[in-house]
PDB file of N, CA and C in Angstrom:
ATOM      1  N   MET A   1      72.122  48.110 155.306  1.00  0.00           N
ATOM      2  CA  MET A   1      72.546  47.592 154.091  1.00  0.00           C
ATOM      3  C   MET A   1      71.660  47.275 153.037  1.00  0.00           C
ATOM      4  N   PHE A   2      70.595  46.752 153.544  1.00  0.00           N
ATOM      5  CA  PHE A   2      69.426  46.396 152.797  1.00  0.00           C
ATOM      6  C   PHE A   2      68.858  47.564 152.194  1.00  0.00           C
ATOM      7  N   PHE A   3      68.683  48.723 152.793  1.00  0.00           N
ATOM      8  CA  PHE A   3      68.062  50.019 152.298  1.00  0.00           C
ATOM      9  C   PHE A   3      68.749  50.756 151.392  1.00  0.00           C
ATOM     10  N   GLU A   4      70.014  50.572 151.310  1.00  0.00           N
ATOM     11  CA  GLU A   4      70.853  51.477 150.411  1.00  0.00           C
ATOM     12  C   GLU A   4      70.342  51.403 149.047  1.00  0.00           C
ATOM     13  N   GLY A   5      69.926  50.282 148.426  1.00  0.00           N
ATOM     14  CA  GLY A   5      69.594  50.096 147.188  1.00  0.00           C
ATOM     15  C   GLY A   5      68.388  50.852 146.969  1.00  0.00           C
ATOM     16  N   ILE A   6      67.524  51.073 147.828  1.00  0.00           N
ATOM     17  CA  ILE A   6      66.278  51.613 147.644  1.00  0.00           C
ATOM     18  C   ILE A   6      66.467  53.078 147.771  1.00  0.00           C
ATOM     19  N   ALA A   7      67.419  53.545 148.596  1.00  0.00           N
ATOM     20  CA  ALA A   7      67.723  54.926 148.660  1.00  0.00           C
ATOM     21  C   ALA A   7      68.458  55.548 147.332  1.00  0.00           C
ATOM     22  N   TRP A   8      69.276  54.759 146.837  1.00  0.00           N
ATOM     23  CA  TRP A   8      69.807  54.994 145.446  1.00  0.00           C
ATOM     24  C   TRP A   8      68.919  55.056 144.301  1.00  0.00           C
ATOM     25  N   ALA A   9      67.981  54.120 144.400  1.00  0.00           N
ATOM     26  CA  ALA A   9      66.988  54.055 143.362  1.00  0.00           C
ATOM     27  C   ALA A   9      66.169  55.298 143.433  1.00  0.00           C
ATOM     28  N   ASP A  10      65.768  55.831 144.524  1.00  0.00           N
ATOM     29  CA  ASP A  10      64.851  56.905 144.710  1.00  0.00           C
ATOM     30  C   ASP A  10      65.559  58.184 144.228  1.00  0.00           C
ATOM     31  N   ASP A  11      66.957  58.112 144.470  1.00  0.00           N
ATOM     32  CA  ASP A  11      67.744  59.499 143.970  1.00  0.00           C
ATOM     33  C   ASP A  11      68.033  59.399 142.585  1.00  0.00           C
ATOM     34  N   ALA A  12      67.905  58.356 141.984  1.00  0.00           N
ATOM     35  CA  ALA A  12      68.304  58.351 140.494  1.00  0.00           C
ATOM     36  C   ALA A  12      67.582  59.345 139.477  1.00  0.00           C
ATOM     37  N   ALA A  13      66.454  59.625 139.826  1.00  0.00           N
ATOM     38  CA  ALA A  13      65.745  60.679 139.041  1.00  0.00           C
ATOM     39  C   ALA A  13      66.297  62.043 139.171  1.00  0.00           C
ATOM     40  N   GLY A  14      66.631  62.326 140.415  1.00  0.00           N
ATOM     41  CA  GLY A  14      67.282  63.862 140.444  1.00  0.00           C
ATOM     42  C   GLY A  14      68.755  63.882 140.295  1.00  0.00           C
ATOM     43  N   ALA A  15      69.408  62.775 140.187  1.00  0.00           N
ATOM     44  CA  ALA A  15      70.891  62.705 140.039  1.00  0.00           C
ATOM     45  C   ALA A  15      71.129  63.142 138.636  1.00  0.00           C
ATOM     46  N   ALA A  16      70.434  63.247 137.561  1.00  0.00           N
ATOM     47  CA  ALA A  16      70.690  63.662 136.293  1.00  0.00           C
ATOM     48  C   ALA A  16      71.007  65.094 136.370  1.00  0.00           C
ATOM     49  N   GLN A  17      70.001  65.834 136.975  1.00  0.00           N
ATOM     50  CA  GLN A  17      70.181  67.421 137.122  1.00  0.00           C
ATOM     51  C   GLN A  17      71.480  67.665 137.778  1.00  0.00           C
ATOM     52  N   ASN A  18      71.517  67.007 138.978  1.00  0.00           N
ATOM     53  CA  ASN A  18      72.590  67.322 139.763  1.00  0.00           C
ATOM     54  C   ASN A  18      73.985  66.869 139.237  1.00  0.00           C
ATOM     55  N   SER A  19      73.984  66.022 138.403  1.00  0.00           N
ATOM     56  CA  SER A  19      75.391  65.749 137.714  1.00  0.00           C
ATOM     57  C   SER A  19      75.672  66.894 136.799  1.00  0.00           C
ATOM     58  N   SER A  20      74.846  67.347 135.875  1.00  0.00           N
ATOM     59  CA  SER A  20      75.147  68.386 135.024  1.00  0.00           C
ATOM     60  C   SER A  20      75.507  69.608 135.855  1.00  0.00           C
ATOM     61  N   GLN A  21      75.032  70.071 136.898  1.00  0.00           N
ATOM     62  CA  GLN A  21      75.481  71.091 137.692  1.00  0.00           C
ATOM     63  C   GLN A  21      76.813  70.856 138.293  1.00  0.00           C
ATOM     64  N   GLN A  22      76.992  69.653 138.808  1.00  0.00           N
ATOM     65  CA  GLN A  22      78.241  69.210 139.368  1.00  0.00           C
ATOM     66  C   GLN A  22      79.342  69.417 138.249  1.00  0.00           C
ATOM     67  N   MET A  23      79.056  68.959 137.120  1.00  0.00           N
ATOM     68  CA  MET A  23      80.160  68.905 135.884  1.00  0.00           C
ATOM     69  C   MET A  23      80.389  70.518 135.814  1.00  0.00           C
ATOM     70  N   ILE A  24      79.343  71.377 135.626  1.00  0.00           N
ATOM     71  CA  ILE A  24      79.706  72.832 135.327  1.00  0.00           C
ATOM     72  C   ILE A  24      80.687  73.328 136.443  1.00  0.00           C
ATOM     73  N   PHE A  25      80.181  73.234 137.657  1.00  0.00           N
ATOM     74  CA  PHE A  25      81.030  73.814 138.824  1.00  0.00           C
ATOM     75  C   PHE A  25      82.105  72.951 139.026  1.00  0.00           C
ATOM     76  N   GLY A  26      82.318  71.707 138.709  1.00  0.00           N
ATOM     77  CA  GLY A  26      83.433  70.994 138.953  1.00  0.00           C
ATOM     78  C   GLY A  26      84.542  71.057 137.888  1.00  0.00           C
ATOM     79  N   THR A  27      84.098  71.306 136.659  1.00  0.00           N
ATOM     80  CA  THR A  27      85.119  71.358 135.599  1.00  0.00           C
ATOM     81  C   THR A  27      85.318  72.789 134.867  1.00  0.00           C
ATOM     82  N   VAL A  28      84.096  73.205 134.490  1.00  0.00           N
ATOM     83  CA  VAL A  28      84.119  74.501 133.607  1.00  0.00           C
ATOM     84  C   VAL A  28      84.606  75.662 134.410  1.00  0.00           C
ATOM     85  N   VAL A  29      84.198  75.812 135.557  1.00  0.00           N
ATOM     86  CA  VAL A  29      84.452  76.867 136.515  1.00  0.00           C
ATOM     87  C   VAL A  29      86.052  77.126 136.780  1.00  0.00           C
ATOM     88  N   PRO A  30      86.508  76.058 137.246  1.00  0.00           N
ATOM     89  CA  PRO A  30      87.957  75.901 137.706  1.00  0.00           C
ATOM     90  C   PRO A  30      88.976  76.327 136.386  1.00  0.00           C
ATOM     91  N   LEU A  31      88.378  75.654 135.300  1.00  0.00           N
ATOM     92  CA  LEU A  31      89.248  75.953 133.874  1.00  0.00           C
ATOM     93  C   LEU A  31      89.164  77.419 133.618  1.00  0.00           C
ATOM     94  N   ALA A  32      87.855  78.059 133.646  1.00  0.00           N
ATOM     95  CA  ALA A  32      87.798  79.491 133.437  1.00  0.00           C
ATOM     96  C   ALA A  32      88.670  80.275 134.359  1.00  0.00           C
ATOM     97  N   LEU A  33      88.703  79.968 135.694  1.00  0.00           N
ATOM     98  CA  LEU A  33      89.412  80.673 136.586  1.00  0.00           C
ATOM     99  C   LEU A  33      90.813  80.475 136.339  1.00  0.00           C
ATOM    100  N   LEU A  34      91.469  79.314 135.830  1.00  0.00           N
ATOM    101  CA  LEU A  34      92.738  79.016 135.442  1.00  0.00           C
ATOM    102  C   LEU A  34      93.159  79.744 134.222  1.00  0.00           C
ATOM    103  N   PHE A  35      92.188  79.852 133.219  1.00  0.00           N
ATOM    104  CA  PHE A  35      92.501  80.721 132.200  1.00  0.00           C
ATOM    105  C   PHE A  35      92.455  82.104 132.590  1.00  0.00           C
ATOM    106  N   GLY A  36      91.652  82.609 133.258  1.00  0.00           N
ATOM    107  CA  GLY A  36      91.861  84.168 133.838  1.00  0.00           C
ATOM    108  C   GLY A  36      93.058  84.493 134.533  1.00  0.00           C
ATOM    109  N   VAL A  37      93.611  83.530 135.347  1.00  0.00           N
ATOM    110  CA  VAL A  37      94.888  83.840 136.006  1.00  0.00           C
ATOM    111  C   VAL A  37      96.063  83.837 134.943  1.00  0.00           C
ATOM    112  N   PHE A  38      96.007  82.790 134.057  1.00  0.00           N
ATOM    113  CA  PHE A  38      96.959  82.937 133.138  1.00  0.00           C
ATOM    114  C   PHE A  38      97.052  84.001 132.150  1.00  0.00           C
ATOM    115  N   TYR A  39      95.736  84.513 131.782  1.00  0.00           N
ATOM    116  CA  TYR A  39      95.697  85.915 131.007  1.00  0.00           C
ATOM    117  C   TYR A  39      96.243  86.965 131.644  1.00  0.00           C
ATOM    118  N   PHE A  40      96.004  87.171 133.100  1.00  0.00           N
ATOM    119  CA  PHE A  40      96.406  88.409 133.673  1.00  0.00           C
ATOM    120  C   PHE A  40      97.784  88.279 134.195  1.00  0.00           C
ATOM    121  N   LEU A  41      98.252  87.083 134.216  1.00  0.00           N
ATOM    122  CA  LEU A  41      99.592  87.053 134.829  1.00  0.00           C
ATOM    123  C   LEU A  41     100.848  86.681 133.811  1.00  0.00           C
ATOM    124  N   LEU A  42     100.168  86.252 132.555  1.00  0.00           N
ATOM    125  CA  LEU A  42     101.340  85.811 131.602  1.00  0.00           C
ATOM    126  C   LEU A  42     101.025  86.453 130.169  1.00  0.00           C
ATOM    127  N   ILE A  43      99.787  86.391 129.733  1.00  0.00           N
ATOM    128  CA  ILE A  43      99.491  86.910 128.405  1.00  0.00           C
ATOM    129  C   ILE A  43      99.373  88.396 128.213  1.00  0.00           C
ATOM    130  N   ARG A  44      98.768  88.944 129.125  1.00  0.00           N
ATOM    131  CA  ARG A  44      98.323  90.323 129.169  1.00  0.00           C
ATOM    132  C   ARG A  44      99.711  91.137 129.251  1.00  0.00           C
ATOM    133  N   PRO A  45     100.530  91.010 130.223  1.00  0.00           N
ATOM    134  CA  PRO A  45     101.791  91.665 130.419  1.00  0.00           C
ATOM    135  C   PRO A  45     102.680  91.391 129.246  1.00  0.00           C
ATOM    136  N   GLN A  46     102.725  90.301 128.546  1.00  0.00           N
ATOM    137  CA  GLN A  46     103.635  89.936 127.355  1.00  0.00           C
ATOM    138  C   GLN A  46     103.148  90.771 126.270  1.00  0.00           C
ATOM    139  N   THR A  47     101.836  90.809 126.088  1.00  0.00           N
ATOM    140  CA  THR A  47     101.207  91.673 124.864  1.00  0.00           C
ATOM    141  C   THR A  47     101.577  93.213 125.145  1.00  0.00           C
ATOM    142  N   LYS A  48     101.411  93.638 126.352  1.00  0.00           N
ATOM    143  CA  LYS A  48     101.787  95.045 126.641  1.00  0.00           C
ATOM    144  C   LYS A  48     103.210  95.274 126.223  1.00  0.00           C
ATOM    145  N   LYS A  49     104.272  94.281 126.772  1.00  0.00           N
ATOM    146  CA  LYS A  49     105.500  94.601 126.530  1.00  0.00           C
ATOM    147  C   LYS A  49     105.901  94.642 124.912  1.00  0.00           C
ATOM    148  N   GLN A  50     105.355  93.574 124.410  1.00  0.00           N
ATOM    149  CA  GLN A  50     105.400  93.720 122.909  1.00  0.00           C
ATOM    150  C   GLN A  50     105.020  94.880 122.151  1.00  0.00           C
ATOM    151  N   GLU A  51     103.848  95.669 122.507  1.00  0.00           N
ATOM    152  CA  GLU A  51     103.467  96.631 122.029  1.00  0.00           C
ATOM    153  C   GLU A  51     104.526  97.836 122.042  1.00  0.00           C
ATOM    154  N   GLU A  52     104.944  97.992 123.497  1.00  0.00           N
ATOM    155  CA  GLU A  52     105.761  98.977 123.810  1.00  0.00           C
ATOM    156  C   GLU A  52     107.133  98.826 122.985  1.00  0.00           C
ATOM    157  N   HIS A  53     107.721  97.546 122.760  1.00  0.00           N
ATOM    158  CA  HIS A  53     108.785  97.279 121.819  1.00  0.00           C
ATOM    159  C   HIS A  53     108.507  97.733 120.645  1.00  0.00           C
ATOM    160  N   SER A  54     107.442  97.441 120.048  1.00  0.00           N
ATOM    161  CA  SER A  54     106.931  97.741 118.679  1.00  0.00           C
ATOM    162  C   SER A  54     106.945  99.332 118.357  1.00  0.00           C
ATOM    163  N   LYS A  55     106.411  99.925 119.464  1.00  0.00           N
ATOM    164  CA  LYS A  55     106.525 101.433 119.411  1.00  0.00           C
ATOM    165  C   LYS A  55     107.842 102.193 119.535  1.00  0.00           C
ATOM    166  N   MET A  56     108.688 101.554 120.476  1.00  0.00           N
ATOM    167  CA  MET A  56     110.069 101.910 120.530  1.00  0.00           C
ATOM    168  C   MET A  56     110.928 101.778 119.252  1.00  0.00           C
ATOM    169  N   VAL A  57     110.719 100.719 118.398  1.00  0.00           N
ATOM    170  CA  VAL A  57     111.461 100.437 117.292  1.00  0.00           C
ATOM    171  C   VAL A  57     110.967 101.139 116.311  1.00  0.00           C
ATOM    172  N   ALA A  58     109.642 101.431 116.103  1.00  0.00           N
ATOM    173  CA  ALA A  58     109.058 102.492 115.199  1.00  0.00           C
ATOM    174  C   ALA A  58     109.527 103.739 115.196  1.00  0.00           C
ATOM    175  N   ASN A  59     109.781 104.158 116.559  1.00  0.00           N
ATOM    176  CA  ASN A  59     110.166 105.694 116.673  1.00  0.00           C
ATOM    177  C   ASN A  59     111.718 105.787 116.807  1.00  0.00           C
ATOM    178  N   LEU A  60     112.591 104.902 116.391  1.00  0.00           N
ATOM    179  CA  LEU A  60     113.997 104.993 116.533  1.00  0.00           C
ATOM    180  C   LEU A  60     114.402 106.120 115.540  1.00  0.00           C
ATOM    181  N   LYS A  61     115.397 107.017 115.740  1.00  0.00           N
ATOM    182  CA  LYS A  61     115.837 108.039 114.964  1.00  0.00           C
ATOM    183  C   LYS A  61     117.382 107.960 114.976  1.00  0.00           C
ATOM    184  N   ARG A  62     117.917 108.638 114.001  1.00  0.00           N
ATOM    185  CA  ARG A  62     119.471 108.633 114.004  1.00  0.00           C
ATOM    186  C   ARG A  62     120.059 109.206 115.179  1.00  0.00           C
ATOM    187  N   ASN A  63     121.253 108.771 115.538  1.00  0.00           N
ATOM    188  CA  ASN A  63     122.105 109.165 116.684  1.00  0.00           C
ATOM    189  C   ASN A  63     121.585 108.809 117.964  1.00  0.00           C
ATOM    190  N   ASP A  64     120.533 107.760 118.025  1.00  0.00           N
ATOM    191  CA  ASP A  64     119.961 107.204 119.229  1.00  0.00           C
ATOM    192  C   ASP A  64     120.928 106.104 119.553  1.00  0.00           C
ATOM    193  N   GLU A  65     121.224 105.947 120.904  1.00  0.00           N
ATOM    194  CA  GLU A  65     122.173 105.039 121.470  1.00  0.00           C
ATOM    195  C   GLU A  65     121.334 103.806 121.846  1.00  0.00           C
ATOM    196  N   VAL A  66     121.454 102.538 121.228  1.00  0.00           N
ATOM    197  CA  VAL A  66     120.739 101.434 121.423  1.00  0.00           C
ATOM    198  C   VAL A  66     121.540 100.157 121.834  1.00  0.00           C
ATOM    199  N   VAL A  67     120.764  99.263 122.524  1.00  0.00           N
ATOM    200  CA  VAL A  67     121.340  97.946 122.865  1.00  0.00           C
ATOM    201  C   VAL A  67     120.662  96.989 122.055  1.00  0.00           C
ATOM    202  N   THR A  68     121.499  96.014 121.376  1.00  0.00           N
ATOM    203  CA  THR A  68     120.580  94.963 120.702  1.00  0.00           C
ATOM    204  C   THR A  68     120.339  93.817 121.548  1.00  0.00           C
ATOM    205  N   THR A  69     119.850  92.829 121.006  1.00  0.00           N
ATOM    206  CA  THR A  69     119.292  91.663 121.969  1.00  0.00           C
ATOM    207  C   THR A  69     120.588  90.972 122.131  1.00  0.00           C
ATOM    208  N   GLY A  70     121.634  90.975 121.423  1.00  0.00           N
ATOM    209  CA  GLY A  70     122.924  90.282 121.677  1.00  0.00           C
ATOM    210  C   GLY A  70     123.854  91.155 122.571  1.00  0.00           C
ATOM    211  N   GLY A  71     123.430  92.327 123.044  1.00  0.00           N
ATOM    212  CA  GLY A  71     123.983  93.020 123.985  1.00  0.00           C
ATOM    213  C   GLY A  71     125.169  94.025 123.320  1.00  0.00           C
ATOM    214  N   ILE A  72     124.989  94.355 122.148  1.00  0.00           N
ATOM    215  CA  ILE A  72     126.003  95.245 121.365  1.00  0.00           C
ATOM    216  C   ILE A  72     125.304  96.552 121.651  1.00  0.00           C
ATOM    217  N   VAL A  73     126.128  97.481 122.122  1.00  0.00           N
ATOM    218  CA  VAL A  73     125.707  98.832 122.216  1.00  0.00           C
ATOM    219  C   VAL A  73     126.402  99.731 121.098  1.00  0.00           C
ATOM    220  N   GLY A  74     125.544 100.520 120.613  1.00  0.00           N
ATOM    221  CA  GLY A  74     125.949 101.440 119.355  1.00  0.00           C
ATOM    222  C   GLY A  74     124.953 102.515 119.178  1.00  0.00           C
ATOM    223  N   LYS A  75     125.473 103.530 118.425  1.00  0.00           N
ATOM    224  CA  LYS A  75     124.672 104.719 118.003  1.00  0.00           C
ATOM    225  C   LYS A  75     124.135 104.381 116.492  1.00  0.00           C
ATOM    226  N   ILE A  76     122.841 104.837 116.373  1.00  0.00           N
ATOM    227  CA  ILE A  76     122.478 104.622 115.006  1.00  0.00           C
ATOM    228  C   ILE A  76     123.022 105.492 114.002  1.00  0.00           C
ATOM    229  N   ALA A  77     123.446 104.928 113.091  1.00  0.00           N
ATOM    230  CA  ALA A  77     124.138 105.764 111.868  1.00  0.00           C
ATOM    231  C   ALA A  77     123.334 105.924 110.670  1.00  0.00           C
ATOM    232  N   GLU A  78     122.571 104.676 110.409  1.00  0.00           N
ATOM    233  CA  GLU A  78     121.518 104.756 109.190  1.00  0.00           C
ATOM    234  C   GLU A  78     120.284 104.018 109.692  1.00  0.00           C
ATOM    235  N   LEU A  79     119.058 104.335 109.215  1.00  0.00           N
ATOM    236  CA  LEU A  79     117.984 103.591 109.482  1.00  0.00           C
ATOM    237  C   LEU A  79     117.506 103.244 108.005  1.00  0.00           C
ATOM    238  N   GLY A  80     117.025 101.848 108.056  1.00  0.00           N
ATOM    239  CA  GLY A  80     116.207 101.350 106.849  1.00  0.00           C
ATOM    240  C   GLY A  80     114.908 100.872 107.401  1.00  0.00           C
ATOM    241  N   ASP A  81     114.214 100.282 106.279  1.00  0.00           N
ATOM    242  CA  ASP A  81     113.044  99.590 106.795  1.00  0.00           C
ATOM    243  C   ASP A  81     113.203  98.471 107.684  1.00  0.00           C
ATOM    244  N   THR A  82     114.131  97.573 107.471  1.00  0.00           N
ATOM    245  CA  THR A  82     114.483  96.447 108.277  1.00  0.00           C
ATOM    246  C   THR A  82     115.834  96.276 108.624  1.00  0.00           C
ATOM    247  N   LEU A  83     116.624  97.101 108.117  1.00  0.00           N
ATOM    248  CA  LEU A  83     118.030  97.006 108.702  1.00  0.00           C
ATOM    249  C   LEU A  83     118.458  98.350 109.296  1.00  0.00           C
ATOM    250  N   VAL A  84     119.200  98.274 110.467  1.00  0.00           N
ATOM    251  CA  VAL A  84     119.690  99.481 111.111  1.00  0.00           C
ATOM    252  C   VAL A  84     121.107  99.294 111.070  1.00  0.00           C
ATOM    253  N   THR A  85     122.009 100.469 110.848  1.00  0.00           N
ATOM    254  CA  THR A  85     123.314 100.457 110.712  1.00  0.00           C
ATOM    255  C   THR A  85     123.831 101.055 112.169  1.00  0.00           C
ATOM    256  N   LEU A  86     124.687 100.384 112.910  1.00  0.00           N
ATOM    257  CA  LEU A  86     124.960 100.980 114.044  1.00  0.00           C
ATOM    258  C   LEU A  86     126.511 101.195 114.086  1.00  0.00           C
ATOM    259  N   GLU A  87     126.968 102.167 114.680  1.00  0.00           N
ATOM    260  CA  GLU A  87     128.336 102.625 114.833  1.00  0.00           C
ATOM    261  C   GLU A  87     128.782 102.228 116.311  1.00  0.00           C
ATOM    262  N   VAL A  88     129.596 101.149 116.489  1.00  0.00           N
ATOM    263  CA  VAL A  88     129.935 100.568 117.818  1.00  0.00           C
ATOM    264  C   VAL A  88     131.041 101.164 118.364  1.00  0.00           C
ATOM    265  N   ALA A  89     131.887 101.770 117.409  1.00  0.00           N
ATOM    266  CA  ALA A  89     133.249 102.389 117.632  1.00  0.00           C
ATOM    267  C   ALA A  89     133.576 103.304 116.506  1.00  0.00           C
ATOM    268  N   PRO A  90     134.532 104.202 116.850  1.00  0.00           N
ATOM    269  CA  PRO A  90     134.698 105.155 115.712  1.00  0.00           C
ATOM    270  C   PRO A  90     135.190 104.495 114.417  1.00  0.00           C
ATOM    271  N   ASN A  91     134.463 104.590 113.297  1.00  0.00           N
ATOM    272  CA  ASN A  91     134.585 103.965 111.977  1.00  0.00           C
ATOM    273  C   ASN A  91     134.436 102.680 111.911  1.00  0.00           C
ATOM    274  N   VAL A  92     133.637 101.944 112.972  1.00  0.00           N
ATOM    275  CA  VAL A  92     133.290 100.461 112.863  1.00  0.00           C
ATOM    276  C   VAL A  92     131.665 100.528 112.932  1.00  0.00           C
ATOM    277  N   LYS A  93     131.117 100.033 111.789  1.00  0.00           N
ATOM    278  CA  LYS A  93     129.785 100.008 111.632  1.00  0.00           C
ATOM    279  C   LYS A  93     129.336  98.596 111.430  1.00  0.00           C
ATOM    280  N   ILE A  94     128.211  98.102 111.965  1.00  0.00           N
ATOM    281  CA  ILE A  94     127.605  96.828 111.860  1.00  0.00           C
ATOM    282  C   ILE A  94     126.118  97.141 111.340  1.00  0.00           C
ATOM    283  N   ARG A  95     125.536  96.145 110.800  1.00  0.00           N
ATOM    284  CA  ARG A  95     124.173  96.122 110.400  1.00  0.00           C
ATOM    285  C   ARG A  95     123.511  95.117 111.020  1.00  0.00           C
ATOM    286  N   VAL A  96     122.265  95.577 111.857  1.00  0.00           N
ATOM    287  CA  VAL A  96     121.401  94.383 112.440  1.00  0.00           C
ATOM    288  C   VAL A  96     119.935  94.647 112.049  1.00  0.00           C
ATOM    289  N   GLU A  97     119.220  93.621 112.214  1.00  0.00           N
ATOM    290  CA  GLU A  97     117.811  93.870 111.851  1.00  0.00           C
ATOM    291  C   GLU A  97     117.115  94.707 112.954  1.00  0.00           C
ATOM    292  N   ARG A  98     116.255  95.411 112.449  1.00  0.00           N
ATOM    293  CA  ARG A  98     115.436  96.449 113.338  1.00  0.00           C
ATOM    294  C   ARG A  98     114.819  95.677 114.539  1.00  0.00           C
ATOM    295  N   SER A  99     114.209  94.641 114.024  1.00  0.00           N
ATOM    296  CA  SER A  99     113.693  94.030 115.362  1.00  0.00           C
ATOM    297  C   SER A  99     114.649  93.359 116.416  1.00  0.00           C
ATOM    298  N   GLN A 100     115.814  93.297 116.134  1.00  0.00           N
ATOM    299  CA  GLN A 100     116.940  92.880 117.241  1.00  0.00           C
ATOM    300  C   GLN A 100     117.431  93.976 118.077  1.00  0.00           C
ATOM    301  N   ILE A 101     116.638  95.187 117.857  1.00  0.00           N
ATOM    302  CA  ILE A 101     117.215  96.057 118.869  1.00  0.00           C
ATOM    303  C   ILE A 101     116.185  95.954 120.078  1.00  0.00           C
ATOM    304  N   ALA A 102     117.034  95.852 121.076  1.00  0.00           N
ATOM    305  CA  ALA A 102     116.182  95.399 122.522  1.00  0.00           C
ATOM    306  C   ALA A 102     115.606  96.792 123.188  1.00  0.00           C
ATOM    307  N   THR A 103     116.504  97.681 123.426  1.00  0.00           N
ATOM    308  CA  THR A 103     116.184  98.909 124.153  1.00  0.00           C
ATOM    309  C   THR A 103     117.014 100.084 123.833  1.00  0.00           C
ATOM    310  N   LEU A 104     116.557 101.245 124.192  1.00  0.00           N
ATOM    311  CA  LEU A 104     117.411 102.466 124.127  1.00  0.00           C
ATOM    312  C   LEU A 104     118.285 102.348 125.233  1.00  0.00           C
ATOM    313  N   SER A 105     119.702 102.801 124.910  1.00  0.00           N
ATOM    314  CA  SER A 105     120.704 102.745 125.834  1.00  0.00           C
ATOM    315  C   SER A 105     120.748 103.737 126.921  1.00  0.00           C
ATOM    316  N   THR A 106     120.992 103.651 128.023  1.00  0.00           N
ATOM    317  CA  THR A 106     121.190 104.476 129.141  1.00  0.00           C
ATOM    318  C   THR A 106     122.612 104.471 129.695  1.00  0.00           C
ATOM    319  N   TYR A 107     123.452 103.996 128.967  1.00  0.00           N
ATOM    320  CA  TYR A 107     124.838 103.929 129.555  1.00  0.00           C
ATOM    321  C   TYR A 107     125.349 105.346 129.366  1.00  0.00           C
ATOM    322  N   GLY A 108     125.442 106.141 128.278  1.00  0.00           N
ATOM    323  CA  GLY A 108     125.819 107.382 128.016  1.00  0.00           C
ATOM    324  C   GLY A 108     125.184 108.390 128.899  1.00  0.00           C
ATOM    325  N   LYS A 109     123.869 108.254 129.066  1.00  0.00           N
ATOM    326  CA  LYS A 109     123.180 109.162 130.002  1.00  0.00           C
ATOM    327  C   LYS A 109     123.464 109.142 131.280  1.00  0.00           C
ATOM    328  N   GLN A 110     123.813 107.911 131.814  1.00  0.00           N
ATOM    329  CA  GLN A 110     124.143 107.799 133.342  1.00  0.00           C
ATOM    330  C   GLN A 110     125.376 108.524 133.474  1.00  0.00           C
ATOM    331  N   ALA A 111     126.296 108.212 132.604  1.00  0.00           N
ATOM    332  CA  ALA A 111     127.714 108.802 132.795  1.00  0.00           C
ATOM    333  C   ALA A 111     127.708 110.402 132.712  1.00  0.00           C
ATOM    334  N   SER A 112     126.825 110.979 131.892  1.00  0.00           N
ATOM    335  CA  SER A 112     126.780 112.428 131.772  1.00  0.00           C
ATOM    336  C   SER A 112     126.110 112.897 133.020  1.00  0.00           C
ATOM    337  N   LYS A 113     125.282 112.234 133.558  1.00  0.00           N
ATOM    338  CA  LYS A 113     124.418 112.638 134.925  1.00  0.00           C
ATOM    339  C   LYS A 113     125.283 112.621 136.059  1.00  0.00           C
ATOM    340  N   LYS A 114     126.335 111.665 136.084  1.00  0.00           N
ATOM    341  CA  LYS A 114     127.374 111.615 137.196  1.00  0.00           C
ATOM    342  C   LYS A 114     128.280 112.834 137.070  1.00  0.00           C
ATOM    343  N   ASP A 115     128.676 113.102 135.962  1.00  0.00           N
ATOM    344  CA  ASP A 115     129.879 114.115 135.589  1.00  0.00           C
ATOM    345  C   ASP A 115     129.290 115.460 135.907  1.00  0.00           C
ATOM    346  N   GLN A 116     127.988 115.568 135.817  1.00  0.00           N
ATOM    347  CA  GLN A 116     127.437 116.994 136.052  1.00  0.00           C
ATOM    348  C   GLN A 116     127.282 117.203 137.649  1.00  0.00           C
ATOM    349  N   ALA A 117     127.029 115.958 138.497  1.00  0.00           N
ATOM    350  CA  ALA A 117     126.952 116.180 139.914  1.00  0.00           C
ATOM    351  C   ALA A 117     128.039 116.528 140.660  1.00  0.00           C
TER     352      ALA A 117
END
């Protein structure tokens, strides 16, 4: 117990270097690893998905069957820069924003494949 003070006093000179190394490995490295995990599991897949959606919306054409984010299925009757007119039933047309189109529909395509088989 009497020698502990002496041991700490001798180690005080080298403690400054060790504390900076401990700070780097103790805080910076785990934070960098955490950011890397978040990037590869959350940010990167979301960015890819958003790019694919933007390409799909830009490549829409007349008579494509689409599904809106609200779940409405319709065939594109008219295309504008920001608005799309969908025909959801014979002589029933609605206008939606182009960005609200979620996907191209596969409903009609699945039925035609079953009919052919």
